[in-house]
Amino acid sequence: MPIVNVVLLEGRTQAQKDDMYKEVTDALCRTLECRPDQVRIMVQDFANADFAVAGKSVEAILAERAARTG
């Protein structure tokens, strides 16, 4: 039974996630020769304030970019 953990930053719609579930399931079934009912997908959505790159939250990085581009 394939189990996939997907980590995303906030901002994806439910429709986008639903499309991803189907595409990932299809790819796993094709490559691992399993049935769709055997596939498990877990999604963790992180707020931009709860994920950091190089010591800054993504929220702060996006705010800095927005301030530079006006």
N, C-alpha and C. Protein backbone atom coordinates (compact mmCIF):
# COMPACT_ATOMS: atom_id res chain seq x y z
N MET A 1 0.84 -1.17 0.00
CA MET A 1 0.00 0.00 0.00
C MET A 1 0.89 1.24 0.00
N PRO A 2 0.90 2.01 -1.08
CA PRO A 2 1.68 3.25 -1.11
C PRO A 2 1.05 4.31 -0.21
N ILE A 3 1.88 4.96 0.57
CA ILE A 3 1.46 6.07 1.41
C ILE A 3 2.35 7.25 1.06
N VAL A 4 1.73 8.35 0.64
CA VAL A 4 2.47 9.53 0.21
C VAL A 4 2.12 10.69 1.14
N ASN A 5 3.15 11.39 1.58
CA ASN A 5 2.96 12.59 2.40
C ASN A 5 3.35 13.79 1.56
N VAL A 6 2.43 14.72 1.37
CA VAL A 6 2.67 15.91 0.57
C VAL A 6 2.62 17.12 1.50
N VAL A 7 3.66 17.93 1.47
CA VAL A 7 3.71 19.14 2.28
C VAL A 7 3.58 20.34 1.36
N LEU A 8 2.62 21.21 1.65
CA LEU A 8 2.36 22.39 0.83
C LEU A 8 2.33 23.64 1.69
N LEU A 9 2.68 24.74 1.09
CA LEU A 9 2.42 26.03 1.72
C LEU A 9 1.00 26.44 1.37
N GLU A 10 0.40 27.23 2.22
CA GLU A 10 -0.98 27.63 2.02
C GLU A 10 -1.17 28.31 0.67
N GLY A 11 -2.39 28.26 0.18
CA GLY A 11 -2.71 28.98 -1.04
C GLY A 11 -3.28 28.12 -2.16
N ARG A 12 -3.23 26.80 -2.03
CA ARG A 12 -3.82 25.95 -3.06
C ARG A 12 -5.31 25.80 -2.81
N THR A 13 -6.08 25.74 -3.88
CA THR A 13 -7.51 25.54 -3.74
C THR A 13 -7.80 24.05 -3.53
N GLN A 14 -9.01 23.76 -3.07
CA GLN A 14 -9.40 22.37 -2.92
C GLN A 14 -9.43 21.67 -4.28
N ALA A 15 -9.83 22.40 -5.31
CA ALA A 15 -9.85 21.82 -6.67
C ALA A 15 -8.43 21.43 -7.10
N GLN A 16 -7.44 22.26 -6.80
CA GLN A 16 -6.06 21.93 -7.14
C GLN A 16 -5.61 20.68 -6.39
N LYS A 17 -5.95 20.59 -5.12
CA LYS A 17 -5.58 19.42 -4.34
C LYS A 17 -6.27 18.17 -4.87
N ASP A 18 -7.55 18.29 -5.22
CA ASP A 18 -8.27 17.15 -5.77
C ASP A 18 -7.63 16.66 -7.06
N ASP A 19 -7.20 17.60 -7.92
CA ASP A 19 -6.50 17.23 -9.15
C ASP A 19 -5.19 16.50 -8.83
N MET A 20 -4.47 17.01 -7.84
CA MET A 20 -3.21 16.38 -7.44
C MET A 20 -3.44 14.97 -6.93
N TYR A 21 -4.50 14.77 -6.12
CA TYR A 21 -4.80 13.43 -5.61
C TYR A 21 -4.97 12.44 -6.76
N LYS A 22 -5.72 12.86 -7.78
CA LYS A 22 -5.96 11.98 -8.92
C LYS A 22 -4.66 11.69 -9.67
N GLU A 23 -3.88 12.74 -9.96
CA GLU A 23 -2.64 12.56 -10.72
C GLU A 23 -1.63 11.70 -9.97
N VAL A 24 -1.48 11.93 -8.68
CA VAL A 24 -0.53 11.13 -7.89
C VAL A 24 -1.01 9.69 -7.82
N THR A 25 -2.30 9.49 -7.59
CA THR A 25 -2.84 8.13 -7.55
C THR A 25 -2.61 7.42 -8.87
N ASP A 26 -2.91 8.09 -9.98
CA ASP A 26 -2.71 7.49 -11.30
C ASP A 26 -1.25 7.10 -11.51
N ALA A 27 -0.32 8.00 -11.13
CA ALA A 27 1.11 7.73 -11.32
C ALA A 27 1.56 6.54 -10.48
N LEU A 28 1.10 6.48 -9.24
CA LEU A 28 1.48 5.37 -8.37
C LEU A 28 0.92 4.05 -8.88
N CYS A 29 -0.31 4.06 -9.30
CA CYS A 29 -0.91 2.82 -9.82
C CYS A 29 -0.19 2.34 -11.07
N ARG A 30 0.17 3.26 -11.93
CA ARG A 30 0.87 2.91 -13.17
C ARG A 30 2.28 2.38 -12.88
N THR A 31 3.01 3.05 -12.02
CA THR A 31 4.41 2.69 -11.81
C THR A 31 4.62 1.58 -10.78
N LEU A 32 3.72 1.48 -9.80
CA LEU A 32 3.87 0.48 -8.75
C LEU A 32 2.91 -0.69 -8.92
N GLU A 33 2.10 -0.63 -9.96
CA GLU A 33 1.14 -1.70 -10.24
C GLU A 33 0.26 -2.02 -9.04
N CYS A 34 -0.36 -0.98 -8.51
CA CYS A 34 -1.29 -1.15 -7.40
C CYS A 34 -2.66 -0.63 -7.81
N ARG A 35 -3.65 -0.92 -6.98
CA ARG A 35 -5.00 -0.45 -7.24
C ARG A 35 -5.20 0.92 -6.59
N PRO A 36 -6.09 1.75 -7.16
CA PRO A 36 -6.34 3.06 -6.56
C PRO A 36 -6.79 3.00 -5.11
N ASP A 37 -7.55 1.98 -4.75
CA ASP A 37 -8.02 1.88 -3.36
C ASP A 37 -6.90 1.55 -2.37
N GLN A 38 -5.73 1.24 -2.88
CA GLN A 38 -4.58 0.96 -2.01
C GLN A 38 -3.73 2.21 -1.74
N VAL A 39 -3.99 3.27 -2.47
CA VAL A 39 -3.17 4.49 -2.36
C VAL A 39 -3.71 5.38 -1.24
N ARG A 40 -2.80 5.87 -0.42
CA ARG A 40 -3.12 6.82 0.65
C ARG A 40 -2.29 8.08 0.43
N ILE A 41 -2.94 9.23 0.49
CA ILE A 41 -2.23 10.51 0.33
C ILE A 41 -2.60 11.39 1.51
N MET A 42 -1.57 11.88 2.19
CA MET A 42 -1.77 12.79 3.32
C MET A 42 -1.21 14.15 2.92
N VAL A 43 -1.97 15.19 3.17
CA VAL A 43 -1.52 16.54 2.84
C VAL A 43 -1.40 17.35 4.12
N GLN A 44 -0.26 18.01 4.25
CA GLN A 44 -0.05 18.94 5.36
C GLN A 44 0.06 20.33 4.74
N ASP A 45 -0.84 21.22 5.11
CA ASP A 45 -0.78 22.60 4.67
C ASP A 45 -0.13 23.44 5.77
N PHE A 46 0.90 24.16 5.41
CA PHE A 46 1.55 25.04 6.37
C PHE A 46 1.24 26.49 6.03
N ALA A 47 0.96 27.26 7.05
CA ALA A 47 0.81 28.71 6.87
C ALA A 47 2.17 29.29 6.51
N ASN A 48 2.17 30.32 5.70
CA ASN A 48 3.43 30.95 5.30
C ASN A 48 4.24 31.43 6.50
N ALA A 49 3.56 31.74 7.59
CA ALA A 49 4.26 32.18 8.81
C ALA A 49 4.92 31.02 9.54
N ASP A 50 4.53 29.81 9.20
CA ASP A 50 5.05 28.63 9.90
C ASP A 50 6.10 27.86 9.11
N PHE A 51 6.62 28.47 8.06
CA PHE A 51 7.64 27.83 7.23
C PHE A 51 8.70 28.88 6.93
N ALA A 52 9.96 28.53 7.13
CA ALA A 52 11.02 29.52 6.98
C ALA A 52 12.08 29.04 6.00
N VAL A 53 12.70 30.01 5.34
CA VAL A 53 13.82 29.77 4.43
C VAL A 53 14.91 30.76 4.82
N ALA A 54 16.10 30.26 5.05
CA ALA A 54 17.25 31.11 5.38
C ALA A 54 16.96 32.05 6.56
N GLY A 55 16.25 31.54 7.54
CA GLY A 55 16.02 32.31 8.76
C GLY A 55 14.87 33.29 8.71
N LYS A 56 14.09 33.29 7.62
CA LYS A 56 12.94 34.18 7.50
C LYS A 56 11.72 33.37 7.13
N SER A 57 10.58 33.75 7.73
CA SER A 57 9.35 33.07 7.37
C SER A 57 9.00 33.39 5.92
N VAL A 58 8.32 32.48 5.28
CA VAL A 58 7.89 32.74 3.90
C VAL A 58 6.98 33.96 3.88
N GLU A 59 6.19 34.13 4.92
CA GLU A 59 5.33 35.31 5.02
C GLU A 59 6.16 36.59 4.94
N ALA A 60 7.26 36.66 5.68
CA ALA A 60 8.13 37.83 5.67
C ALA A 60 8.80 38.00 4.30
N ILE A 61 9.22 36.91 3.70
CA ILE A 61 9.86 36.97 2.37
C ILE A 61 8.89 37.51 1.34
N LEU A 62 7.65 37.03 1.37
CA LEU A 62 6.65 37.52 0.42
C LEU A 62 6.33 38.99 0.65
N ALA A 63 6.28 39.40 1.90
CA ALA A 63 6.02 40.82 2.23
C ALA A 63 7.16 41.70 1.72
N GLU A 64 8.40 41.23 1.88
CA GLU A 64 9.56 41.99 1.37
C GLU A 64 9.50 42.11 -0.15
N ARG A 65 9.17 41.04 -0.82
CA ARG A 65 9.06 41.07 -2.28
C ARG A 65 7.98 42.04 -2.73
N ALA A 66 6.84 41.99 -2.04
CA ALA A 66 5.74 42.88 -2.40
C ALA A 66 6.12 44.35 -2.20
N ALA A 67 6.87 44.63 -1.13
CA ALA A 67 7.29 46.00 -0.87
C ALA A 67 8.27 46.50 -1.94
N ARG A 68 9.13 45.61 -2.44
CA ARG A 68 10.09 45.99 -3.47
C ARG A 68 9.42 46.25 -4.82
N THR A 69 8.39 45.47 -5.11
CA THR A 69 7.73 45.59 -6.43
C THR A 69 6.61 46.60 -6.42
N GLY A 70 6.25 47.08 -5.23
CA GLY A 70 5.27 48.14 -5.10
C GLY A 70 3.91 47.67 -5.34
